[in-house]
PDB file of N, CA and C in Angstrom:
ATOM      1  N   MET A   1     128.496 141.159 158.556  1.00  0.00           N
ATOM      2  CA  MET A   1     128.692 140.219 159.624  1.00  0.00           C
ATOM      3  C   MET A   1     127.931 140.692 160.861  1.00  0.00           C
ATOM      4  N   ILE A   2     127.324 139.749 161.565  1.00  0.00           N
ATOM      5  CA  ILE A   2     126.693 140.031 162.854  1.00  0.00           C
ATOM      6  C   ILE A   2     127.262 139.061 163.885  1.00  0.00           C
ATOM      7  N   VAL A   3     127.151 139.439 165.146  1.00  0.00           N
ATOM      8  CA  VAL A   3     127.580 138.572 166.243  1.00  0.00           C
ATOM      9  C   VAL A   3     126.383 138.372 167.161  1.00  0.00           C
ATOM     10  N   GLU A   4     126.165 137.131 167.537  1.00  0.00           N
ATOM     11  CA  GLU A   4     125.126 136.830 168.520  1.00  0.00           C
ATOM     12  C   GLU A   4     125.804 136.586 169.862  1.00  0.00           C
ATOM     13  N   GLU A   5     125.337 137.296 170.875  1.00  0.00           N
ATOM     14  CA  GLU A   5     125.780 137.075 172.251  1.00  0.00           C
ATOM     15  C   GLU A   5     124.682 136.280 172.945  1.00  0.00           C
ATOM     16  N   ARG A   6     125.033 135.103 173.445  1.00  0.00           N
ATOM     17  CA  ARG A   6     124.075 134.236 174.143  1.00  0.00           C
ATOM     18  C   ARG A   6     124.554 134.097 175.581  1.00  0.00           C
ATOM     19  N   ASP A   7     123.775 134.602 176.521  1.00  0.00           N
ATOM     20  CA  ASP A   7     124.113 134.550 177.943  1.00  0.00           C
ATOM     21  C   ASP A   7     123.253 133.487 178.621  1.00  0.00           C
ATOM     22  N   TYR A   8     123.909 132.580 179.321  1.00  0.00           N
ATOM     23  CA  TYR A   8     123.227 131.520 180.060  1.00  0.00           C
ATOM     24  C   TYR A   8     123.501 131.728 181.548  1.00  0.00           C
ATOM     25  N   ARG A   9     122.461 132.092 182.305  1.00  0.00           N
ATOM     26  CA  ARG A   9     122.617 132.204 183.751  1.00  0.00           C
ATOM     27  C   ARG A   9     122.281 130.845 184.335  1.00  0.00           C
ATOM     28  N   LEU A  10     123.194 130.361 185.176  1.00  0.00           N
ATOM     29  CA  LEU A  10     123.105 129.001 185.693  1.00  0.00           C
ATOM     30  C   LEU A  10     122.909 128.996 187.199  1.00  0.00           C
ATOM     31  N   VAL A  11     122.513 127.847 187.717  1.00  0.00           N
ATOM     32  CA  VAL A  11     122.407 127.694 189.167  1.00  0.00           C
ATOM     33  C   VAL A  11     123.789 127.900 189.772  1.00  0.00           C
ATOM     34  N   PRO A  12     123.876 128.317 191.050  1.00  0.00           N
ATOM     35  CA  PRO A  12     125.187 128.460 191.681  1.00  0.00           C
ATOM     36  C   PRO A  12     125.997 127.169 191.552  1.00  0.00           C
ATOM     37  N   GLY A  13     127.226 127.318 191.100  1.00  0.00           N
ATOM     38  CA  GLY A  13     128.095 126.164 190.889  1.00  0.00           C
ATOM     39  C   GLY A  13     127.860 125.441 189.581  1.00  0.00           C
ATOM     40  N   GLY A  14     126.969 125.946 188.745  1.00  0.00           N
ATOM     41  CA  GLY A  14     126.622 125.256 187.503  1.00  0.00           C
ATOM     42  C   GLY A  14     127.596 125.446 186.359  1.00  0.00           C
ATOM     43  N   VAL A  15     128.432 126.483 186.421  1.00  0.00           N
ATOM     44  CA  VAL A  15     129.319 126.769 185.287  1.00  0.00           C
ATOM     45  C   VAL A  15     130.250 125.592 184.975  1.00  0.00           C
ATOM     46  N   PRO A  16     130.975 125.035 185.942  1.00  0.00           N
ATOM     47  CA  PRO A  16     131.862 123.917 185.595  1.00  0.00           C
ATOM     48  C   PRO A  16     131.095 122.704 185.064  1.00  0.00           C
ATOM     49  N   ARG A  17     129.931 122.429 185.617  1.00  0.00           N
ATOM     50  CA  ARG A  17     129.128 121.288 185.158  1.00  0.00           C
ATOM     51  C   ARG A  17     128.631 121.520 183.729  1.00  0.00           C
ATOM     52  N   TYR A  18     128.188 122.733 183.439  1.00  0.00           N
ATOM     53  CA  TYR A  18     127.707 123.062 182.097  1.00  0.00           C
ATOM     54  C   TYR A  18     128.853 122.939 181.089  1.00  0.00           C
ATOM     55  N   LEU A  19     129.995 123.517 181.422  1.00  0.00           N
ATOM     56  CA  LEU A  19     131.133 123.469 180.495  1.00  0.00           C
ATOM     57  C   LEU A  19     131.608 122.040 180.255  1.00  0.00           C
ATOM     58  N   ASP A  20     131.578 121.213 181.295  1.00  0.00           N
ATOM     59  CA  ASP A  20     131.952 119.815 181.118  1.00  0.00           C
ATOM     60  C   ASP A  20     131.006 119.145 180.113  1.00  0.00           C
ATOM     61  N   ALA A  21     129.707 119.346 180.294  1.00  0.00           N
ATOM     62  CA  ALA A  21     128.723 118.769 179.366  1.00  0.00           C
ATOM     63  C   ALA A  21     128.890 119.354 177.969  1.00  0.00           C
ATOM     64  N   TRP A  22     129.162 120.645 177.879  1.00  0.00           N
ATOM     65  CA  TRP A  22     129.322 121.285 176.571  1.00  0.00           C
ATOM     66  C   TRP A  22     130.511 120.682 175.825  1.00  0.00           C
ATOM     67  N   HIS A  23     131.622 120.497 176.528  1.00  0.00           N
ATOM     68  CA  HIS A  23     132.803 119.922 175.866  1.00  0.00           C
ATOM     69  C   HIS A  23     132.548 118.470 175.443  1.00  0.00           C
ATOM     70  N   ARG A  24     131.815 117.717 176.242  1.00  0.00           N
ATOM     71  CA  ARG A  24     131.557 116.312 175.923  1.00  0.00           C
ATOM     72  C   ARG A  24     130.491 116.139 174.847  1.00  0.00           C
ATOM     73  N   LEU A  25     129.441 116.969 174.895  1.00  0.00           N
ATOM     74  CA  LEU A  25     128.262 116.708 174.067  1.00  0.00           C
ATOM     75  C   LEU A  25     127.896 117.824 173.095  1.00  0.00           C
ATOM     76  N   GLY A  26     128.173 119.057 173.436  1.00  0.00           N
ATOM     77  CA  GLY A  26     127.635 120.165 172.658  1.00  0.00           C
ATOM     78  C   GLY A  26     128.586 120.844 171.707  1.00  0.00           C
ATOM     79  N   ARG A  27     129.855 120.862 172.049  1.00  0.00           N
ATOM     80  CA  ARG A  27     130.798 121.626 171.237  1.00  0.00           C
ATOM     81  C   ARG A  27     130.864 121.106 169.797  1.00  0.00           C
ATOM     82  N   ALA A  28     131.014 119.797 169.626  1.00  0.00           N
ATOM     83  CA  ALA A  28     131.151 119.235 168.270  1.00  0.00           C
ATOM     84  C   ALA A  28     129.955 119.562 167.381  1.00  0.00           C
ATOM     85  N   PRO A  29     128.701 119.329 167.824  1.00  0.00           N
ATOM     86  CA  PRO A  29     127.595 119.683 166.926  1.00  0.00           C
ATOM     87  C   PRO A  29     127.473 121.185 166.700  1.00  0.00           C
ATOM     88  N   GLN A  30     127.795 121.983 167.703  1.00  0.00           N
ATOM     89  CA  GLN A  30     127.732 123.434 167.486  1.00  0.00           C
ATOM     90  C   GLN A  30     128.758 123.864 166.452  1.00  0.00           C
ATOM     91  N   VAL A  31     129.983 123.376 166.566  1.00  0.00           N
ATOM     92  CA  VAL A  31     131.008 123.743 165.584  1.00  0.00           C
ATOM     93  C   VAL A  31     130.624 123.228 164.202  1.00  0.00           C
ATOM     94  N   ARG A  32     130.033 122.051 164.151  1.00  0.00           N
ATOM     95  CA  ARG A  32     129.597 121.476 162.866  1.00  0.00           C
ATOM     96  C   ARG A  32     128.599 122.395 162.162  1.00  0.00           C
ATOM     97  N   HIS A  33     127.680 122.997 162.909  1.00  0.00           N
ATOM     98  CA  HIS A  33     126.627 123.818 162.306  1.00  0.00           C
ATOM     99  C   HIS A  33     126.921 125.315 162.354  1.00  0.00           C
ATOM    100  N   LEU A  34     127.557 125.779 163.433  1.00  0.00           N
ATOM    101  CA  LEU A  34     127.731 127.222 163.628  1.00  0.00           C
ATOM    102  C   LEU A  34     129.141 127.709 163.347  1.00  0.00           C
ATOM    103  N   GLY A  35     130.103 126.806 163.268  1.00  0.00           N
ATOM    104  CA  GLY A  35     131.499 127.202 163.158  1.00  0.00           C
ATOM    105  C   GLY A  35     132.070 127.395 164.564  1.00  0.00           C
ATOM    106  N   GLU A  36     133.336 127.710 164.632  1.00  0.00           N
ATOM    107  CA  GLU A  36     133.991 127.945 165.924  1.00  0.00           C
ATOM    108  C   GLU A  36     133.391 129.177 166.590  1.00  0.00           C
ATOM    109  N   PRO A  37     133.140 129.111 167.893  1.00  0.00           N
ATOM    110  CA  PRO A  37     132.659 130.322 168.566  1.00  0.00           C
ATOM    111  C   PRO A  37     133.746 131.394 168.564  1.00  0.00           C
ATOM    112  N   LEU A  38     133.317 132.655 168.516  1.00  0.00           N
ATOM    113  CA  LEU A  38     134.279 133.749 168.653  1.00  0.00           C
ATOM    114  C   LEU A  38     134.842 133.780 170.059  1.00  0.00           C
ATOM    115  N   GLY A  39     134.060 133.302 171.010  1.00  0.00           N
ATOM    116  CA  GLY A  39     134.528 133.244 172.383  1.00  0.00           C
ATOM    117  C   GLY A  39     133.510 132.573 173.279  1.00  0.00           C
ATOM    118  N   VAL A  40     134.022 131.987 174.353  1.00  0.00           N
ATOM    119  CA  VAL A  40     133.208 131.404 175.411  1.00  0.00           C
ATOM    120  C   VAL A  40     133.782 131.958 176.706  1.00  0.00           C
ATOM    121  N   TYR A  41     132.944 132.651 177.480  1.00  0.00           N
ATOM    122  CA  TYR A  41     133.415 133.365 178.659  1.00  0.00           C
ATOM    123  C   TYR A  41     132.564 133.041 179.871  1.00  0.00           C
ATOM    124  N   ALA A  42     133.186 133.063 181.032  1.00  0.00           N
ATOM    125  CA  ALA A  42     132.469 132.985 182.304  1.00  0.00           C
ATOM    126  C   ALA A  42     132.545 134.366 182.949  1.00  0.00           C
ATOM    127  N   VAL A  43     131.438 134.841 183.469  1.00  0.00           N
ATOM    128  CA  VAL A  43     131.392 136.161 184.100  1.00  0.00           C
ATOM    129  C   VAL A  43     132.061 136.081 185.466  1.00  0.00           C
ATOM    130  N   GLU A  44     132.998 136.976 185.712  1.00  0.00           N
ATOM    131  CA  GLU A  44     133.734 137.037 186.971  1.00  0.00           C
ATOM    132  C   GLU A  44     133.260 138.185 187.853  1.00  0.00           C
ATOM    133  N   ILE A  45     132.841 139.288 187.237  1.00  0.00           N
ATOM    134  CA  ILE A  45     132.329 140.448 187.962  1.00  0.00           C
ATOM    135  C   ILE A  45     130.986 140.795 187.333  1.00  0.00           C
ATOM    136  N   GLY A  46     129.973 140.929 188.156  1.00  0.00           N
ATOM    137  CA  GLY A  46     128.634 141.217 187.643  1.00  0.00           C
ATOM    138  C   GLY A  46     127.723 140.047 187.952  1.00  0.00           C
ATOM    139  N   GLN A  47     126.911 139.634 186.965  1.00  0.00           N
ATOM    140  CA  GLN A  47     125.973 138.531 187.149  1.00  0.00           C
ATOM    141  C   GLN A  47     126.746 137.215 187.134  1.00  0.00           C
ATOM    142  N   LEU A  48     127.140 136.750 188.320  1.00  0.00           N
ATOM    143  CA  LEU A  48     127.934 135.534 188.429  1.00  0.00           C
ATOM    144  C   LEU A  48     127.129 134.326 187.974  1.00  0.00           C
ATOM    145  N   ASN A  49     127.809 133.204 187.831  1.00  0.00           N
ATOM    146  CA  ASN A  49     127.180 131.960 187.361  1.00  0.00           C
ATOM    147  C   ASN A  49     126.593 132.139 185.965  1.00  0.00           C
ATOM    148  N   THR A  50     127.268 132.935 185.153  1.00  0.00           N
ATOM    149  CA  THR A  50     126.814 133.198 183.791  1.00  0.00           C
ATOM    150  C   THR A  50     127.898 132.820 182.798  1.00  0.00           C
ATOM    151  N   LEU A  51     127.492 132.120 181.753  1.00  0.00           N
ATOM    152  CA  LEU A  51     128.360 131.841 180.612  1.00  0.00           C
ATOM    153  C   LEU A  51     127.911 132.698 179.447  1.00  0.00           C
ATOM    154  N   VAL A  52     128.871 133.199 178.694  1.00  0.00           N
ATOM    155  CA  VAL A  52     128.599 134.026 177.528  1.00  0.00           C
ATOM    156  C   VAL A  52     129.263 133.372 176.316  1.00  0.00           C
ATOM    157  N   TYR A  53     128.457 133.118 175.291  1.00  0.00           N
ATOM    158  CA  TYR A  53     128.951 132.579 174.022  1.00  0.00           C
ATOM    159  C   TYR A  53     128.787 133.644 172.960  1.00  0.00           C
ATOM    160  N   LEU A  54     129.780 133.796 172.106  1.00  0.00           N
ATOM    161  CA  LEU A  54     129.720 134.717 170.976  1.00  0.00           C
ATOM    162  C   LEU A  54     129.836 133.906 169.687  1.00  0.00           C
ATOM    163  N   TRP A  55     128.840 134.081 168.807  1.00  0.00           N
ATOM    164  CA  TRP A  55     128.796 133.363 167.525  1.00  0.00           C
ATOM    165  C   TRP A  55     128.704 134.365 166.386  1.00  0.00           C
ATOM    166  N   GLN A  56     129.395 134.095 165.307  1.00  0.00           N
ATOM    167  CA  GLN A  56     129.439 134.996 164.159  1.00  0.00           C
ATOM    168  C   GLN A  56     128.622 134.418 163.003  1.00  0.00           C
ATOM    169  N   TYR A  57     127.851 135.302 162.354  1.00  0.00           N
ATOM    170  CA  TYR A  57     127.051 134.924 161.189  1.00  0.00           C
ATOM    171  C   TYR A  57     127.197 135.992 160.111  1.00  0.00           C
ATOM    172  N   THR A  58     126.882 135.601 158.890  1.00  0.00           N
ATOM    173  CA  THR A  58     126.904 136.563 157.789  1.00  0.00           C
ATOM    174  C   THR A  58     125.795 137.591 157.971  1.00  0.00           C
ATOM    175  N   ASP A  59     124.590 137.118 158.291  1.00  0.00           N
ATOM    176  CA  ASP A  59     123.430 137.988 158.468  1.00  0.00           C
ATOM    177  C   ASP A  59     122.360 137.188 159.221  1.00  0.00           C
ATOM    178  N   LEU A  60     121.184 137.775 159.411  1.00  0.00           N
ATOM    179  CA  LEU A  60     120.128 137.101 160.165  1.00  0.00           C
ATOM    180  C   LEU A  60     119.618 135.840 159.460  1.00  0.00           C
ATOM    181  N   ALA A  61     119.597 135.837 158.140  1.00  0.00           N
ATOM    182  CA  ALA A  61     119.157 134.648 157.413  1.00  0.00           C
ATOM    183  C   ALA A  61     120.146 133.500 157.609  1.00  0.00           C
ATOM    184  N   ASP A  62     121.434 133.804 157.576  1.00  0.00           N
ATOM    185  CA  ASP A  62     122.474 132.801 157.832  1.00  0.00           C
ATOM    186  C   ASP A  62     122.309 132.248 159.247  1.00  0.00           C
ATOM    187  N   ARG A  63     122.079 133.134 160.204  1.00  0.00           N
ATOM    188  CA  ARG A  63     121.882 132.710 161.590  1.00  0.00           C
ATOM    189  C   ARG A  63     120.673 131.771 161.690  1.00  0.00           C
ATOM    190  N   ALA A  64     119.555 132.163 161.099  1.00  0.00           N
ATOM    191  CA  ALA A  64     118.339 131.359 161.179  1.00  0.00           C
ATOM    192  C   ALA A  64     118.558 129.957 160.595  1.00  0.00           C
ATOM    193  N   ALA A  65     119.213 129.874 159.465  1.00  0.00           N
ATOM    194  CA  ALA A  65     119.442 128.577 158.815  1.00  0.00           C
ATOM    195  C   ALA A  65     120.362 127.696 159.660  1.00  0.00           C
ATOM    196  N   ARG A  66     121.441 128.268 160.152  1.00  0.00           N
ATOM    197  CA  ARG A  66     122.395 127.472 160.929  1.00  0.00           C
ATOM    198  C   ARG A  66     121.826 127.065 162.283  1.00  0.00           C
ATOM    199  N   ARG A  67     121.065 127.948 162.934  1.00  0.00           N
ATOM    200  CA  ARG A  67     120.482 127.599 164.233  1.00  0.00           C
ATOM    201  C   ARG A  67     119.389 126.540 164.057  1.00  0.00           C
ATOM    202  N   ALA A  68     118.644 126.600 162.943  1.00  0.00           N
ATOM    203  CA  ALA A  68     117.627 125.575 162.672  1.00  0.00           C
ATOM    204  C   ALA A  68     118.281 124.206 162.488  1.00  0.00           C
ATOM    205  N   ALA A  69     119.386 124.173 161.771  1.00  0.00           N
ATOM    206  CA  ALA A  69     120.105 122.911 161.583  1.00  0.00           C
ATOM    207  C   ALA A  69     120.614 122.377 162.918  1.00  0.00           C
ATOM    208  N   LEU A  70     121.120 123.251 163.761  1.00  0.00           N
ATOM    209  CA  LEU A  70     121.586 122.831 165.085  1.00  0.00           C
ATOM    210  C   LEU A  70     120.435 122.297 165.921  1.00  0.00           C
ATOM    211  N   ALA A  71     119.312 122.973 165.909  1.00  0.00           N
ATOM    212  CA  ALA A  71     118.155 122.552 166.700  1.00  0.00           C
ATOM    213  C   ALA A  71     117.650 121.174 166.277  1.00  0.00           C
ATOM    214  N   ALA A  72     117.842 120.811 165.014  1.00  0.00           N
ATOM    215  CA  ALA A  72     117.393 119.516 164.505  1.00  0.00           C
ATOM    216  C   ALA A  72     118.419 118.406 164.723  1.00  0.00           C
ATOM    217  N   ASP A  73     119.578 118.733 165.234  1.00  0.00           N
ATOM    218  CA  ASP A  73     120.674 117.772 165.399  1.00  0.00           C
ATOM    219  C   ASP A  73     120.453 116.933 166.662  1.00  0.00           C
ATOM    220  N   ALA A  74     120.334 115.626 166.502  1.00  0.00           N
ATOM    221  CA  ALA A  74     120.099 114.727 167.638  1.00  0.00           C
ATOM    222  C   ALA A  74     121.259 114.744 168.630  1.00  0.00           C
ATOM    223  N   ASP A  75     122.475 114.926 168.143  1.00  0.00           N
ATOM    224  CA  ASP A  75     123.624 115.005 169.054  1.00  0.00           C
ATOM    225  C   ASP A  75     123.487 116.203 169.980  1.00  0.00           C
ATOM    226  N   PHE A  76     123.049 117.332 169.436  1.00  0.00           N
ATOM    227  CA  PHE A  76     122.907 118.534 170.261  1.00  0.00           C
ATOM    228  C   PHE A  76     121.757 118.389 171.258  1.00  0.00           C
ATOM    229  N   ALA A  77     120.742 117.630 170.909  1.00  0.00           N
ATOM    230  CA  ALA A  77     119.616 117.396 171.826  1.00  0.00           C
ATOM    231  C   ALA A  77     120.098 116.728 173.110  1.00  0.00           C
ATOM    232  N   ARG A  78     121.120 115.905 173.029  1.00  0.00           N
ATOM    233  CA  ARG A  78     121.666 115.269 174.235  1.00  0.00           C
ATOM    234  C   ARG A  78     122.216 116.313 175.189  1.00  0.00           C
ATOM    235  N   LEU A  79     122.892 117.338 174.682  1.00  0.00           N
ATOM    236  CA  LEU A  79     123.393 118.409 175.552  1.00  0.00           C
ATOM    237  C   LEU A  79     122.226 119.124 176.219  1.00  0.00           C
ATOM    238  N   ARG A  80     121.224 119.492 175.437  1.00  0.00           N
ATOM    239  CA  ARG A  80     120.081 120.224 176.010  1.00  0.00           C
ATOM    240  C   ARG A  80     119.449 119.443 177.159  1.00  0.00           C
ATOM    241  N   GLY A  81     119.316 118.144 176.996  1.00  0.00           N
ATOM    242  CA  GLY A  81     118.740 117.326 178.052  1.00  0.00           C
ATOM    243  C   GLY A  81     119.602 117.282 179.299  1.00  0.00           C
ATOM    244  N   GLU A  82     120.902 117.277 179.116  1.00  0.00           N
ATOM    245  CA  GLU A  82     121.798 117.176 180.267  1.00  0.00           C
ATOM    246  C   GLU A  82     121.922 118.484 181.052  1.00  0.00           C
ATOM    247  N   VAL A  83     121.821 119.628 180.384  1.00  0.00           N
ATOM    248  CA  VAL A  83     122.060 120.908 181.078  1.00  0.00           C
ATOM    249  C   VAL A  83     120.778 121.636 181.473  1.00  0.00           C
ATOM    250  N   ARG A  84     119.642 121.122 181.069  1.00  0.00           N
ATOM    251  CA  ARG A  84     118.375 121.826 181.339  1.00  0.00           C
ATOM    252  C   ARG A  84     118.207 122.190 182.803  1.00  0.00           C
ATOM    253  N   GLU A  85     118.546 121.300 183.707  1.00  0.00           N
ATOM    254  CA  GLU A  85     118.381 121.562 185.141  1.00  0.00           C
ATOM    255  C   GLU A  85     119.345 122.626 185.665  1.00  0.00           C
ATOM    256  N   LEU A  86     120.382 122.935 184.905  1.00  0.00           N
ATOM    257  CA  LEU A  86     121.355 123.939 185.340  1.00  0.00           C
ATOM    258  C   LEU A  86     120.946 125.356 184.951  1.00  0.00           C
ATOM    259  N   LEU A  87     120.054 125.496 183.974  1.00  0.00           N
ATOM    260  CA  LEU A  87     119.701 126.811 183.445  1.00  0.00           C
ATOM    261  C   LEU A  87     118.685 127.532 184.326  1.00  0.00           C
ATOM    262  N   VAL A  88     118.986 128.788 184.616  1.00  0.00           N
ATOM    263  CA  VAL A  88     118.044 129.665 185.316  1.00  0.00           C
ATOM    264  C   VAL A  88     117.323 130.525 184.285  1.00  0.00           C
ATOM    265  N   ASP A  89     118.085 131.151 183.399  1.00  0.00           N
ATOM    266  CA  ASP A  89     117.498 131.876 182.266  1.00  0.00           C
ATOM    267  C   ASP A  89     118.544 132.098 181.199  1.00  0.00           C
ATOM    268  N   GLN A  90     118.068 132.579 180.070  1.00  0.00           N
ATOM    269  CA  GLN A  90     118.927 132.808 178.914  1.00  0.00           C
ATOM    270  C   GLN A  90     118.523 134.116 178.263  1.00  0.00           C
ATOM    271  N   SER A  91     119.513 134.843 177.757  1.00  0.00           N
ATOM    272  CA  SER A  91     119.212 136.026 176.952  1.00  0.00           C
ATOM    273  C   SER A  91     120.140 136.035 175.748  1.00  0.00           C
ATOM    274  N   ASN A  92     119.617 136.554 174.652  1.00  0.00           N
ATOM    275  CA  ASN A  92     120.369 136.629 173.401  1.00  0.00           C
ATOM    276  C   ASN A  92     120.330 138.068 172.905  1.00  0.00           C
ATOM    277  N   ARG A  93     121.439 138.489 172.334  1.00  0.00           N
ATOM    278  CA  ARG A  93     121.488 139.807 171.692  1.00  0.00           C
ATOM    279  C   ARG A  93     122.218 139.668 170.368  1.00  0.00           C
ATOM    280  N   ILE A  94     121.757 140.410 169.380  1.00  0.00           N
ATOM    281  CA  ILE A  94     122.447 140.495 168.100  1.00  0.00           C
ATOM    282  C   ILE A  94     123.242 141.788 168.102  1.00  0.00           C
ATOM    283  N   LEU A  95     124.537 141.657 167.879  1.00  0.00           N
ATOM    284  CA  LEU A  95     125.444 142.801 167.864  1.00  0.00           C
ATOM    285  C   LEU A  95     125.780 143.133 166.417  1.00  0.00           C
ATOM    286  N   LEU A  96     125.600 144.401 166.054  1.00  0.00           N
ATOM    287  CA  LEU A  96     125.894 144.855 164.697  1.00  0.00           C
ATOM    288  C   LEU A  96     127.214 145.614 164.703  1.00  0.00           C
ATOM    289  N   PRO A  97     128.039 145.424 163.678  1.00  0.00           N
ATOM    290  CA  PRO A  97     129.330 146.113 163.647  1.00  0.00           C
ATOM    291  C   PRO A  97     129.149 147.621 163.473  1.00  0.00           C
ATOM    292  N   ARG A  98     129.947 148.352 164.167  1.00  0.00           N
ATOM    293  CA  ARG A  98     129.946 149.821 164.054  1.00  0.00           C
ATOM    294  C   ARG A  98     131.395 150.260 164.073  1.00  0.00           C
ATOM    295  N   ASP A  99     132.033 150.184 162.919  1.00  0.00           N
ATOM    296  CA  ASP A  99     133.451 150.497 162.864  1.00  0.00           C
ATOM    297  C   ASP A  99     133.734 151.890 162.316  1.00  0.00           C
ATOM    298  N   SER A 100     132.689 152.687 162.170  1.00  0.00           N
ATOM    299  CA  SER A 100     132.927 154.060 161.721  1.00  0.00           C
ATOM    300  C   SER A 100     132.338 155.031 162.727  1.00  0.00           C
ATOM    301  N   PRO A 101     132.836 156.265 162.846  1.00  0.00           N
ATOM    302  CA  PRO A 101     132.367 157.211 163.857  1.00  0.00           C
ATOM    303  C   PRO A 101     130.884 157.467 163.860  1.00  0.00           C
ATOM    304  N   GLY A 102     130.043 157.515 163.225  1.00  0.00           N
ATOM    305  CA  GLY A 102     128.591 157.691 163.374  1.00  0.00           C
ATOM    306  C   GLY A 102     127.835 156.453 163.002  1.00  0.00           C
ATOM    307  N   GLY A 103     128.577 155.335 162.780  1.00  0.00           N
ATOM    308  CA  GLY A 103     128.040 154.134 162.211  1.00  0.00           C
ATOM    309  C   GLY A 103     127.120 153.376 163.016  1.00  0.00           C
TER     310      GLY A 103
END
């Protein structure tokens, strides 16, 4: 299992607007293709105006297939169009499990 952390830095005040659009337009297609997110967080201390999404995949091939399906989804394209003006930048990280002492 791998976890993808997707950080979206938004314009000041953009977090509530982004989340509103996500709930109306983006959540359903994302869940349809990616499954339920492990978490959706707003940064309170540190880089403010940032949303963090955590998504779980079996491996990188699973991630690639599911993200490609999401990218091709016309419903999800509506979200991208609505939130584009709110985005300042985005960063993604793949987190690998390390549940053993030298792992």
